Amino acid sequence: MTILDFDRLNAVPLERDPFDFVVVEEFVHRDALAAVAADFPAVSKAGSYPINGLKYGPAFGELAAELTGPDLADAIAAKFGIDLDGRPTTLTVRGMGDSRDGYIHTDTETKIITLLLYMNPVWPHSEGRLRLLRGANDIDDYAREIVPLAGTMLAFRRSERSFHGHLPFIGPRRTMQLNWVRDHSVVRRELGRHRWSARLKALNPFTRAA
């Protein structure tokens, strides 16, 4: 049995306000969730980290393999009506939030689809809930707010209007981010950027993380 629940993804309709997105709760099967959470890499600083530079357990490794595998690519391509054949992916992990996270942005033009998978067992906070926004200037003008609970997945099509952000949260906030990107040069550039950002963060805790 897979860790990811593709039946749930297939059953949830694509939403188009304020841009194309889909939210799937319990996208990670319940009987796999505890093992994945236990094997999540220990990330004690803010910023995004490529998984190939982290230590983690086997259940997390299986999840990462499914996220970057062909079955999910096919399901996402069908959901968004987009061709992802030959499109490479990047997979990064966040473990901590800081005061500089959550600023409004659309993601870079080199990204085609962004997928976020949250891994927080509880989330009682009003901060740190991702908002899908109608514009670039008002964090309170949102069409959907996603609570970052373990197993909840958001995927959206990157565009000039895919504005999103959240109220800053300081503390543990576990997120996996998968991106389908234009070509392999983007992968090399993104991995280098995240590694450099992680080094800067380790040297200077006041540096904004990528």
N, C-alpha and C. Protein backbone atom coordinates (compact mmCIF):
# COMPACT_ATOMS: atom_id res chain seq x y z
N MET A 1 0.84 -1.19 0.00
CA MET A 1 0.00 0.00 0.00
C MET A 1 0.88 1.25 0.00
N THR A 2 0.45 2.26 -0.71
CA THR A 2 1.20 3.50 -0.77
C THR A 2 1.03 4.31 0.52
N ILE A 3 1.95 5.21 0.77
CA ILE A 3 1.83 6.14 1.89
C ILE A 3 0.83 7.24 1.55
N LEU A 4 0.84 7.67 0.29
CA LEU A 4 -0.05 8.73 -0.16
C LEU A 4 -1.39 8.17 -0.63
N ASP A 5 -2.46 8.89 -0.34
CA ASP A 5 -3.80 8.45 -0.69
C ASP A 5 -4.22 9.10 -2.02
N PHE A 6 -3.92 8.41 -3.11
CA PHE A 6 -4.22 8.95 -4.43
C PHE A 6 -5.72 9.00 -4.69
N ASP A 7 -6.49 8.14 -4.06
CA ASP A 7 -7.95 8.19 -4.24
C ASP A 7 -8.51 9.51 -3.74
N ARG A 8 -7.99 10.00 -2.60
CA ARG A 8 -8.44 11.30 -2.09
C ARG A 8 -8.09 12.42 -3.05
N LEU A 9 -6.87 12.38 -3.57
CA LEU A 9 -6.46 13.41 -4.52
C LEU A 9 -7.34 13.40 -5.76
N ASN A 10 -7.62 12.22 -6.27
CA ASN A 10 -8.44 12.12 -7.48
C ASN A 10 -9.86 12.59 -7.25
N ALA A 11 -10.35 12.45 -6.02
CA ALA A 11 -11.75 12.76 -5.73
C ALA A 11 -11.98 14.25 -5.45
N VAL A 12 -10.95 14.97 -5.06
CA VAL A 12 -11.11 16.38 -4.70
C VAL A 12 -11.07 17.23 -5.97
N PRO A 13 -12.05 18.10 -6.17
CA PRO A 13 -12.06 18.92 -7.39
C PRO A 13 -11.02 20.03 -7.35
N LEU A 14 -10.56 20.42 -8.52
CA LEU A 14 -9.67 21.57 -8.66
C LEU A 14 -10.46 22.85 -8.43
N GLU A 15 -9.90 23.73 -7.61
CA GLU A 15 -10.54 25.03 -7.36
C GLU A 15 -9.80 26.11 -8.14
N ARG A 16 -10.51 27.18 -8.51
CA ARG A 16 -9.93 28.18 -9.40
C ARG A 16 -9.98 29.60 -8.84
N ASP A 17 -10.46 29.78 -7.61
CA ASP A 17 -10.52 31.09 -6.97
C ASP A 17 -9.61 31.07 -5.74
N PRO A 18 -8.56 31.86 -5.73
CA PRO A 18 -8.21 32.96 -6.64
C PRO A 18 -7.27 32.53 -7.77
N PHE A 19 -6.82 31.25 -7.75
CA PHE A 19 -6.00 30.66 -8.81
C PHE A 19 -6.17 29.16 -8.70
N ASP A 20 -5.62 28.40 -9.62
CA ASP A 20 -5.83 26.95 -9.65
C ASP A 20 -5.12 26.28 -8.48
N PHE A 21 -5.88 25.56 -7.65
CA PHE A 21 -5.28 24.85 -6.52
C PHE A 21 -6.17 23.69 -6.09
N VAL A 22 -5.58 22.80 -5.32
CA VAL A 22 -6.32 21.69 -4.71
C VAL A 22 -5.77 21.47 -3.31
N VAL A 23 -6.66 21.23 -2.36
CA VAL A 23 -6.29 20.90 -0.98
C VAL A 23 -6.83 19.52 -0.67
N VAL A 24 -5.95 18.65 -0.16
CA VAL A 24 -6.34 17.28 0.18
C VAL A 24 -5.96 17.03 1.64
N GLU A 25 -6.96 16.89 2.48
CA GLU A 25 -6.71 16.52 3.87
C GLU A 25 -6.50 15.01 3.97
N GLU A 26 -5.67 14.59 4.93
CA GLU A 26 -5.32 13.18 5.12
C GLU A 26 -4.76 12.57 3.83
N PHE A 27 -3.92 13.34 3.14
CA PHE A 27 -3.28 12.82 1.94
C PHE A 27 -2.27 11.73 2.28
N VAL A 28 -1.73 11.75 3.49
CA VAL A 28 -0.91 10.66 4.01
C VAL A 28 -1.83 9.71 4.76
N HIS A 29 -1.79 8.43 4.41
CA HIS A 29 -2.64 7.44 5.09
C HIS A 29 -2.42 7.48 6.60
N ARG A 30 -3.50 7.37 7.35
CA ARG A 30 -3.42 7.47 8.81
C ARG A 30 -2.46 6.46 9.41
N ASP A 31 -2.46 5.23 8.89
CA ASP A 31 -1.61 4.19 9.49
C ASP A 31 -0.13 4.39 9.17
N ALA A 32 0.20 5.33 8.29
CA ALA A 32 1.60 5.62 7.99
C ALA A 32 2.07 6.92 8.62
N LEU A 33 1.14 7.71 9.11
CA LEU A 33 1.46 9.07 9.54
C LEU A 33 2.42 9.10 10.73
N ALA A 34 2.20 8.24 11.71
CA ALA A 34 3.05 8.26 12.91
C ALA A 34 4.49 7.91 12.57
N ALA A 35 4.68 6.91 11.71
CA ALA A 35 6.03 6.50 11.34
C ALA A 35 6.74 7.59 10.55
N VAL A 36 6.02 8.23 9.64
CA VAL A 36 6.61 9.31 8.85
C VAL A 36 7.01 10.47 9.76
N ALA A 37 6.13 10.82 10.69
CA ALA A 37 6.42 11.92 11.60
C ALA A 37 7.64 11.61 12.47
N ALA A 38 7.75 10.37 12.91
CA ALA A 38 8.88 9.97 13.75
C ALA A 38 10.20 10.01 12.97
N ASP A 39 10.12 9.76 11.67
CA ASP A 39 11.32 9.72 10.83
C ASP A 39 11.62 11.05 10.15
N PHE A 40 10.84 12.08 10.44
CA PHE A 40 11.05 13.40 9.83
C PHE A 40 12.43 13.92 10.24
N PRO A 41 13.18 14.51 9.31
CA PRO A 41 14.53 14.99 9.67
C PRO A 41 14.48 16.08 10.73
N ALA A 42 15.48 16.08 11.57
CA ALA A 42 15.59 17.09 12.62
C ALA A 42 16.13 18.38 12.00
N VAL A 43 15.27 19.38 11.87
CA VAL A 43 15.66 20.68 11.31
C VAL A 43 15.40 21.72 12.39
N SER A 44 16.47 22.23 12.97
CA SER A 44 16.35 23.10 14.15
C SER A 44 16.45 24.58 13.82
N LYS A 45 16.70 24.90 12.53
CA LYS A 45 16.82 26.30 12.13
C LYS A 45 15.80 26.62 11.04
N ALA A 46 15.49 27.90 10.90
CA ALA A 46 14.58 28.32 9.84
C ALA A 46 15.25 28.17 8.48
N GLY A 47 14.43 28.13 7.43
CA GLY A 47 14.95 28.00 6.08
C GLY A 47 14.54 26.70 5.44
N SER A 48 14.76 26.59 4.14
CA SER A 48 14.43 25.39 3.37
C SER A 48 15.71 24.60 3.12
N TYR A 49 15.62 23.27 3.27
CA TYR A 49 16.79 22.42 3.16
C TYR A 49 16.51 21.28 2.18
N PRO A 50 17.35 21.09 1.16
CA PRO A 50 17.19 19.93 0.27
C PRO A 50 17.32 18.64 1.07
N ILE A 51 16.47 17.67 0.75
CA ILE A 51 16.47 16.46 1.58
C ILE A 51 17.73 15.63 1.42
N ASN A 52 18.44 15.78 0.30
CA ASN A 52 19.64 14.98 0.13
C ASN A 52 20.78 15.43 1.03
N GLY A 53 20.59 16.51 1.78
CA GLY A 53 21.58 16.93 2.76
C GLY A 53 21.16 16.68 4.19
N LEU A 54 20.06 15.94 4.38
CA LEU A 54 19.50 15.72 5.71
C LEU A 54 19.51 14.24 6.08
N LYS A 55 19.45 13.96 7.37
CA LYS A 55 19.32 12.60 7.87
C LYS A 55 17.88 12.34 8.29
N TYR A 56 17.35 11.20 7.88
CA TYR A 56 15.95 10.87 8.21
C TYR A 56 15.78 9.35 8.19
N GLY A 57 14.64 8.90 8.73
CA GLY A 57 14.36 7.48 8.83
C GLY A 57 13.70 6.92 7.58
N PRO A 58 13.51 5.59 7.57
CA PRO A 58 13.02 4.91 6.36
C PRO A 58 11.61 5.30 5.94
N ALA A 59 10.72 5.53 6.89
CA ALA A 59 9.35 5.90 6.51
C ALA A 59 9.32 7.25 5.79
N PHE A 60 10.11 8.20 6.28
CA PHE A 60 10.20 9.49 5.60
C PHE A 60 10.82 9.30 4.21
N GLY A 61 11.80 8.43 4.10
CA GLY A 61 12.42 8.15 2.81
C GLY A 61 11.43 7.59 1.82
N GLU A 62 10.54 6.71 2.29
CA GLU A 62 9.50 6.16 1.41
C GLU A 62 8.55 7.25 0.95
N LEU A 63 8.19 8.14 1.87
CA LEU A 63 7.32 9.26 1.51
C LEU A 63 7.98 10.15 0.45
N ALA A 64 9.24 10.48 0.65
CA ALA A 64 9.95 11.31 -0.32
C ALA A 64 9.99 10.64 -1.69
N ALA A 65 10.18 9.32 -1.72
CA ALA A 65 10.21 8.60 -2.99
C ALA A 65 8.85 8.67 -3.69
N GLU A 66 7.77 8.56 -2.93
CA GLU A 66 6.44 8.65 -3.54
C GLU A 66 6.15 10.06 -4.04
N LEU A 67 6.59 11.06 -3.29
CA LEU A 67 6.36 12.44 -3.72
C LEU A 67 7.06 12.74 -5.03
N THR A 68 8.23 12.18 -5.23
CA THR A 68 8.99 12.46 -6.45
C THR A 68 8.81 11.40 -7.51
N GLY A 69 7.89 10.48 -7.30
CA GLY A 69 7.69 9.37 -8.22
C GLY A 69 6.69 9.68 -9.33
N PRO A 70 6.56 8.77 -10.30
CA PRO A 70 5.71 9.00 -11.46
C PRO A 70 4.21 8.99 -11.16
N ASP A 71 3.78 8.24 -10.15
CA ASP A 71 2.35 8.16 -9.86
C ASP A 71 1.79 9.51 -9.42
N LEU A 72 2.52 10.21 -8.56
CA LEU A 72 2.05 11.53 -8.13
C LEU A 72 2.13 12.52 -9.29
N ALA A 73 3.19 12.45 -10.06
CA ALA A 73 3.30 13.35 -11.22
C ALA A 73 2.12 13.16 -12.17
N ASP A 74 1.74 11.92 -12.41
CA ASP A 74 0.61 11.65 -13.30
C ASP A 74 -0.69 12.18 -12.71
N ALA A 75 -0.87 11.99 -11.39
CA ALA A 75 -2.11 12.45 -10.74
C ALA A 75 -2.21 13.98 -10.74
N ILE A 76 -1.11 14.64 -10.47
CA ILE A 76 -1.10 16.11 -10.47
C ILE A 76 -1.31 16.64 -11.90
N ALA A 77 -0.67 16.02 -12.87
CA ALA A 77 -0.83 16.43 -14.26
C ALA A 77 -2.29 16.32 -14.69
N ALA A 78 -2.93 15.22 -14.31
CA ALA A 78 -4.34 15.03 -14.66
C ALA A 78 -5.22 16.05 -13.94
N LYS A 79 -4.93 16.32 -12.70
CA LYS A 79 -5.75 17.25 -11.92
C LYS A 79 -5.70 18.66 -12.51
N PHE A 80 -4.52 19.09 -12.90
CA PHE A 80 -4.35 20.46 -13.39
C PHE A 80 -4.45 20.56 -14.92
N GLY A 81 -4.58 19.42 -15.59
CA GLY A 81 -4.64 19.44 -17.04
C GLY A 81 -3.37 19.99 -17.66
N ILE A 82 -2.23 19.47 -17.18
CA ILE A 82 -0.93 20.00 -17.58
C ILE A 82 -0.01 18.82 -17.89
N ASP A 83 0.92 19.01 -18.79
CA ASP A 83 1.89 17.98 -19.15
C ASP A 83 3.14 18.15 -18.30
N LEU A 84 3.42 17.17 -17.44
CA LEU A 84 4.62 17.21 -16.60
C LEU A 84 5.67 16.20 -17.04
N ASP A 85 5.46 15.55 -18.19
CA ASP A 85 6.45 14.58 -18.68
C ASP A 85 7.80 15.27 -18.88
N GLY A 86 8.82 14.69 -18.28
CA GLY A 86 10.16 15.21 -18.42
C GLY A 86 10.47 16.40 -17.55
N ARG A 87 9.50 16.86 -16.78
CA ARG A 87 9.76 18.00 -15.89
C ARG A 87 10.42 17.52 -14.61
N PRO A 88 11.58 18.03 -14.26
CA PRO A 88 12.25 17.60 -13.03
C PRO A 88 11.59 18.21 -11.80
N THR A 89 11.98 17.71 -10.64
CA THR A 89 11.41 18.17 -9.37
C THR A 89 12.51 18.59 -8.40
N THR A 90 12.14 19.45 -7.47
CA THR A 90 12.96 19.75 -6.31
C THR A 90 12.12 19.43 -5.07
N LEU A 91 12.76 18.92 -4.03
CA LEU A 91 12.07 18.59 -2.79
C LEU A 91 12.89 19.14 -1.62
N THR A 92 12.26 20.02 -0.86
CA THR A 92 12.92 20.63 0.29
C THR A 92 12.05 20.47 1.54
N VAL A 93 12.67 20.70 2.68
CA VAL A 93 12.02 20.52 3.98
C VAL A 93 12.23 21.78 4.82
N ARG A 94 11.19 22.17 5.53
CA ARG A 94 11.30 23.19 6.57
C ARG A 94 10.93 22.57 7.91
N GLY A 95 11.63 22.98 8.95
CA GLY A 95 11.32 22.48 10.28
C GLY A 95 10.97 23.55 11.28
N MET A 96 11.36 24.79 10.97
CA MET A 96 11.14 25.90 11.91
C MET A 96 10.66 27.13 11.15
N GLY A 97 9.79 27.90 11.79
CA GLY A 97 9.37 29.18 11.25
C GLY A 97 10.02 30.31 12.03
N ASP A 98 10.23 31.45 11.36
CA ASP A 98 10.72 32.61 12.08
C ASP A 98 9.95 33.84 11.64
N SER A 99 10.30 34.97 12.17
CA SER A 99 9.50 36.19 11.99
C SER A 99 9.53 36.70 10.56
N ARG A 100 10.48 36.23 9.76
CA ARG A 100 10.58 36.72 8.38
C ARG A 100 9.85 35.83 7.39
N ASP A 101 9.31 34.71 7.83
CA ASP A 101 8.56 33.82 6.94
C ASP A 101 7.14 34.34 6.72
N GLY A 102 6.56 33.92 5.60
CA GLY A 102 5.15 34.20 5.36
C GLY A 102 4.87 35.41 4.51
N TYR A 103 5.91 36.11 4.05
CA TYR A 103 5.68 37.31 3.24
C TYR A 103 4.95 36.92 1.94
N ILE A 104 4.16 37.82 1.41
CA ILE A 104 3.33 37.53 0.23
C ILE A 104 4.20 37.40 -1.01
N HIS A 105 3.99 36.32 -1.78
CA HIS A 105 4.74 36.10 -3.02
C HIS A 105 3.96 35.15 -3.92
N THR A 106 4.45 34.95 -5.13
CA THR A 106 3.78 34.06 -6.09
C THR A 106 4.57 32.81 -6.41
N ASP A 107 5.79 32.68 -5.93
CA ASP A 107 6.80 31.71 -6.34
C ASP A 107 7.44 32.17 -7.65
N THR A 108 8.62 31.64 -7.93
CA THR A 108 9.39 32.08 -9.09
C THR A 108 8.80 31.53 -10.38
N GLU A 109 9.09 32.21 -11.48
CA GLU A 109 8.56 31.83 -12.79
C GLU A 109 9.05 30.46 -13.25
N THR A 110 10.16 29.99 -12.71
CA THR A 110 10.70 28.70 -13.13
C THR A 110 9.92 27.52 -12.56
N LYS A 111 9.03 27.78 -11.60
CA LYS A 111 8.22 26.72 -11.01
C LYS A 111 6.90 26.58 -11.78
N ILE A 112 6.48 25.35 -12.00
CA ILE A 112 5.24 25.07 -12.72
C ILE A 112 4.12 24.77 -11.73
N ILE A 113 4.36 23.80 -10.87
CA ILE A 113 3.43 23.41 -9.81
C ILE A 113 4.19 23.40 -8.49
N THR A 114 3.60 23.97 -7.45
CA THR A 114 4.11 23.87 -6.09
C THR A 114 3.20 22.97 -5.28
N LEU A 115 3.78 22.02 -4.56
CA LEU A 115 3.03 21.14 -3.67
C LEU A 115 3.61 21.25 -2.27
N LEU A 116 2.77 21.54 -1.30
CA LEU A 116 3.17 21.63 0.10
C LEU A 116 2.49 20.52 0.88
N LEU A 117 3.26 19.78 1.65
CA LEU A 117 2.72 18.72 2.51
C LEU A 117 3.14 19.04 3.94
N TYR A 118 2.14 19.23 4.79
CA TYR A 118 2.41 19.64 6.17
C TYR A 118 2.50 18.42 7.07
N MET A 119 3.32 18.55 8.12
CA MET A 119 3.57 17.42 9.02
C MET A 119 3.55 17.84 10.48
N ASN A 120 2.63 18.72 10.86
CA ASN A 120 2.51 19.17 12.25
C ASN A 120 1.35 18.43 12.92
N PRO A 121 1.60 17.74 14.03
CA PRO A 121 0.55 16.92 14.64
C PRO A 121 -0.66 17.72 15.13
N VAL A 122 -0.43 18.94 15.61
CA VAL A 122 -1.52 19.83 16.02
C VAL A 122 -1.16 21.23 15.55
N TRP A 123 -2.17 22.09 15.41
CA TRP A 123 -1.89 23.48 15.07
C TRP A 123 -2.96 24.39 15.68
N PRO A 124 -2.76 24.81 16.93
CA PRO A 124 -3.73 25.67 17.59
C PRO A 124 -3.54 27.15 17.28
N HIS A 125 -2.51 27.50 16.52
CA HIS A 125 -2.13 28.89 16.31
C HIS A 125 -2.91 29.52 15.15
N SER A 126 -3.18 30.82 15.27
CA SER A 126 -3.75 31.54 14.14
C SER A 126 -2.65 31.91 13.14
N GLU A 127 -1.43 32.09 13.61
CA GLU A 127 -0.30 32.36 12.73
C GLU A 127 0.13 31.07 12.03
N GLY A 128 0.83 31.23 10.91
CA GLY A 128 1.38 30.07 10.22
C GLY A 128 0.41 29.29 9.37
N ARG A 129 -0.82 29.77 9.24
CA ARG A 129 -1.82 29.12 8.39
C ARG A 129 -1.74 29.77 7.01
N LEU A 130 -1.41 28.98 6.01
CA LEU A 130 -1.18 29.56 4.69
C LEU A 130 -2.47 30.08 4.08
N ARG A 131 -2.39 31.30 3.54
CA ARG A 131 -3.55 31.93 2.92
C ARG A 131 -3.33 32.08 1.42
N LEU A 132 -4.33 31.69 0.65
CA LEU A 132 -4.33 31.87 -0.79
C LEU A 132 -5.03 33.19 -1.08
N LEU A 133 -4.27 34.14 -1.58
CA LEU A 133 -4.67 35.54 -1.57
C LEU A 133 -5.20 36.01 -2.92
N ARG A 134 -6.03 37.03 -2.85
CA ARG A 134 -6.60 37.62 -4.07
C ARG A 134 -5.71 38.72 -4.65
N GLY A 135 -4.67 39.12 -3.95
CA GLY A 135 -3.79 40.15 -4.44
C GLY A 135 -2.50 40.20 -3.65
N ALA A 136 -1.67 41.16 -4.01
CA ALA A 136 -0.32 41.22 -3.46
C ALA A 136 -0.19 42.07 -2.21
N ASN A 137 -1.24 42.74 -1.80
CA ASN A 137 -1.06 43.79 -0.80
C ASN A 137 -1.79 43.57 0.53
N ASP A 138 -2.64 42.54 0.63
CA ASP A 138 -3.46 42.40 1.83
C ASP A 138 -3.49 40.94 2.28
N ILE A 139 -2.80 40.63 3.36
CA ILE A 139 -2.76 39.26 3.87
C ILE A 139 -4.11 38.80 4.38
N ASP A 140 -5.03 39.74 4.63
CA ASP A 140 -6.36 39.38 5.12
C ASP A 140 -7.38 39.19 4.01
N ASP A 141 -7.01 39.46 2.76
CA ASP A 141 -7.92 39.28 1.63
C ASP A 141 -7.62 37.93 0.98
N TYR A 142 -8.16 36.86 1.58
CA TYR A 142 -7.83 35.51 1.10
C TYR A 142 -9.10 34.72 0.78
N ALA A 143 -8.93 33.78 -0.15
CA ALA A 143 -10.02 32.90 -0.55
C ALA A 143 -10.01 31.60 0.25
N ARG A 144 -8.85 31.18 0.73
CA ARG A 144 -8.75 29.92 1.47
C ARG A 144 -7.59 30.02 2.45
N GLU A 145 -7.79 29.47 3.63
CA GLU A 145 -6.73 29.38 4.63
C GLU A 145 -6.53 27.91 4.96
N ILE A 146 -5.27 27.47 4.91
CA ILE A 146 -4.96 26.05 5.12
C ILE A 146 -4.25 25.88 6.45
N VAL A 147 -4.84 25.06 7.32
CA VAL A 147 -4.21 24.73 8.60
C VAL A 147 -3.13 23.69 8.33
N PRO A 148 -1.88 23.92 8.76
CA PRO A 148 -0.78 23.03 8.39
C PRO A 148 -0.69 21.75 9.22
N LEU A 149 -1.80 21.02 9.28
CA LEU A 149 -1.83 19.78 10.05
C LEU A 149 -1.20 18.63 9.29
N ALA A 150 -0.67 17.67 10.02
CA ALA A 150 0.03 16.54 9.42
C ALA A 150 -0.87 15.81 8.43
N GLY A 151 -0.34 15.62 7.23
CA GLY A 151 -1.06 14.91 6.19
C GLY A 151 -1.83 15.79 5.23
N THR A 152 -1.98 17.08 5.55
CA THR A 152 -2.70 18.00 4.66
C THR A 152 -1.78 18.44 3.53
N MET A 153 -2.30 18.36 2.31
CA MET A 153 -1.53 18.73 1.12
C MET A 153 -2.22 19.85 0.36
N LEU A 154 -1.43 20.81 -0.08
CA LEU A 154 -1.87 21.86 -0.99
C LEU A 154 -1.00 21.80 -2.24
N ALA A 155 -1.63 21.83 -3.41
CA ALA A 155 -0.89 21.98 -4.66
C ALA A 155 -1.53 23.11 -5.45
N PHE A 156 -0.69 23.94 -6.07
CA PHE A 156 -1.24 25.03 -6.88
C PHE A 156 -0.38 25.27 -8.11
N ARG A 157 -1.03 25.81 -9.14
CA ARG A 157 -0.33 26.19 -10.36
C ARG A 157 0.28 27.57 -10.18
N ARG A 158 1.58 27.66 -10.37
CA ARG A 158 2.24 28.94 -10.24
C ARG A 158 1.82 29.86 -11.41
N SER A 159 1.51 31.10 -11.08
CA SER A 159 1.14 32.09 -12.09
C SER A 159 1.46 33.47 -11.54
N GLU A 160 1.18 34.49 -12.34
CA GLU A 160 1.40 35.86 -11.90
C GLU A 160 0.40 36.28 -10.82
N ARG A 161 -0.64 35.46 -10.61
CA ARG A 161 -1.61 35.81 -9.57
C ARG A 161 -1.69 34.78 -8.45
N SER A 162 -0.70 33.89 -8.36
CA SER A 162 -0.72 32.86 -7.31
C SER A 162 -0.14 33.40 -6.00
N PHE A 163 -0.69 34.51 -5.54
CA PHE A 163 -0.21 35.13 -4.31
C PHE A 163 -0.60 34.28 -3.10
N HIS A 164 0.35 34.10 -2.21
CA HIS A 164 0.09 33.35 -0.99
C HIS A 164 1.06 33.82 0.10
N GLY A 165 0.68 33.57 1.34
CA GLY A 165 1.50 33.95 2.47
C GLY A 165 0.80 33.59 3.76
N HIS A 166 1.43 33.88 4.87
CA HIS A 166 0.81 33.62 6.18
C HIS A 166 1.33 34.60 7.21
N LEU A 167 0.59 34.73 8.29
CA LEU A 167 1.06 35.55 9.41
C LEU A 167 2.30 34.89 9.99
N PRO A 168 3.33 35.66 10.31
CA PRO A 168 4.59 35.08 10.78
C PRO A 168 4.38 34.21 12.02
N PHE A 169 5.10 33.10 12.04
CA PHE A 169 5.06 32.19 13.18
C PHE A 169 6.48 31.82 13.55
N ILE A 170 6.80 31.90 14.83
CA ILE A 170 8.12 31.54 15.33
C ILE A 170 8.02 30.23 16.11
N GLY A 171 8.72 29.20 15.63
CA GLY A 171 8.68 27.92 16.31
C GLY A 171 8.61 26.77 15.33
N PRO A 172 8.45 25.54 15.83
CA PRO A 172 8.40 24.38 14.96
C PRO A 172 7.22 24.44 13.98
N ARG A 173 7.52 24.27 12.71
CA ARG A 173 6.50 24.25 11.66
C ARG A 173 7.04 23.38 10.53
N ARG A 174 6.60 22.14 10.51
CA ARG A 174 7.14 21.15 9.57
C ARG A 174 6.40 21.18 8.24
N THR A 175 7.17 21.35 7.18
CA THR A 175 6.61 21.42 5.83
C THR A 175 7.56 20.74 4.85
N MET A 176 6.98 20.00 3.92
CA MET A 176 7.73 19.51 2.76
C MET A 176 7.24 20.28 1.54
N GLN A 177 8.17 20.74 0.70
CA GLN A 177 7.79 21.46 -0.51
C GLN A 177 8.36 20.75 -1.73
N LEU A 178 7.46 20.36 -2.62
CA LEU A 178 7.82 19.71 -3.88
C LEU A 178 7.46 20.66 -5.01
N ASN A 179 8.39 20.86 -5.93
CA ASN A 179 8.12 21.70 -7.10
C ASN A 179 8.46 20.96 -8.38
N TRP A 180 7.55 20.99 -9.33
CA TRP A 180 7.88 20.63 -10.70
C TRP A 180 8.37 21.90 -11.36
N VAL A 181 9.55 21.83 -11.99
CA VAL A 181 10.19 23.03 -12.54
C VAL A 181 10.46 22.84 -14.03
N ARG A 182 10.90 23.91 -14.67
CA ARG A 182 11.00 23.92 -16.13
C ARG A 182 12.05 22.97 -16.67
N ASP A 183 13.24 22.95 -16.07
CA ASP A 183 14.31 22.10 -16.60
C ASP A 183 15.34 21.84 -15.51
N HIS A 184 16.34 21.03 -15.86
CA HIS A 184 17.32 20.60 -14.86
C HIS A 184 18.24 21.74 -14.42
N SER A 185 18.40 22.76 -15.23
CA SER A 185 19.22 23.89 -14.79
C SER A 185 18.57 24.58 -13.60
N VAL A 186 17.24 24.57 -13.54
CA VAL A 186 16.53 25.15 -12.40
C VAL A 186 16.82 24.33 -11.14
N VAL A 187 16.82 23.00 -11.28
CA VAL A 187 17.11 22.13 -10.14
C VAL A 187 18.49 22.46 -9.58
N ARG A 188 19.49 22.54 -10.45
CA ARG A 188 20.85 22.83 -9.98
C ARG A 188 20.92 24.19 -9.29
N ARG A 189 20.25 25.17 -9.88
CA ARG A 189 20.28 26.51 -9.30
C ARG A 189 19.56 26.55 -7.95
N GLU A 190 18.40 25.90 -7.87
CA GLU A 190 17.62 25.91 -6.63
C GLU A 190 18.35 25.17 -5.51
N LEU A 191 18.94 24.02 -5.84
CA LEU A 191 19.67 23.29 -4.81
C LEU A 191 20.85 24.09 -4.30
N GLY A 192 21.56 24.75 -5.21
CA GLY A 192 22.67 25.59 -4.79
C GLY A 192 22.21 26.76 -3.94
N ARG A 193 21.09 27.35 -4.33
CA ARG A 193 20.56 28.50 -3.57
C ARG A 193 20.16 28.09 -2.16
N HIS A 194 19.48 26.95 -2.04
CA HIS A 194 19.04 26.51 -0.71
C HIS A 194 20.24 26.12 0.16
N ARG A 195 21.25 25.49 -0.44
CA ARG A 195 22.44 25.14 0.35
C ARG A 195 23.15 26.39 0.85
N TRP A 196 23.29 27.38 -0.02
CA TRP A 196 23.94 28.63 0.37
C TRP A 196 23.14 29.35 1.44
N SER A 197 21.81 29.35 1.28
CA SER A 197 20.96 29.99 2.28
C SER A 197 21.10 29.30 3.63
N ALA A 198 21.17 27.98 3.62
CA ALA A 198 21.31 27.23 4.87
C ALA A 198 22.63 27.56 5.55
N ARG A 199 23.71 27.68 4.75
CA ARG A 199 25.01 28.04 5.33
C ARG A 199 24.97 29.44 5.95
N LEU A 200 24.36 30.38 5.24
CA LEU A 200 24.25 31.74 5.77
C LEU A 200 23.43 31.75 7.06
N LYS A 201 22.36 30.95 7.07
CA LYS A 201 21.51 30.92 8.26
C LYS A 201 22.27 30.38 9.46
N ALA A 202 23.11 29.38 9.22
CA ALA A 202 23.89 28.81 10.32
C ALA A 202 24.89 29.82 10.86
N LEU A 203 25.43 30.65 9.96
CA LEU A 203 26.41 31.65 10.39
C LEU A 203 25.77 32.88 10.99
N ASN A 204 24.58 33.25 10.45
CA ASN A 204 23.91 34.49 10.86
C ASN A 204 22.42 34.24 11.02
N PRO A 205 21.93 34.09 12.24
CA PRO A 205 20.53 33.78 12.47
C PRO A 205 19.58 34.89 12.02
N PHE A 206 20.11 36.07 11.67
CA PHE A 206 19.25 37.17 11.27
C PHE A 206 19.11 37.26 9.75
N THR A 207 19.75 36.32 9.01
CA THR A 207 19.62 36.29 7.56
C THR A 207 18.27 35.72 7.17
N ARG A 208 17.59 36.35 6.21
CA ARG A 208 16.31 35.82 5.72
C ARG A 208 16.55 34.50 5.02
N ALA A 209 15.75 33.50 5.39
CA ALA A 209 15.86 32.19 4.73
C ALA A 209 15.10 32.20 3.43
N ALA A 210 15.51 31.36 2.50
CA ALA A 210 14.81 31.26 1.21
C ALA A 210 13.54 30.46 1.35
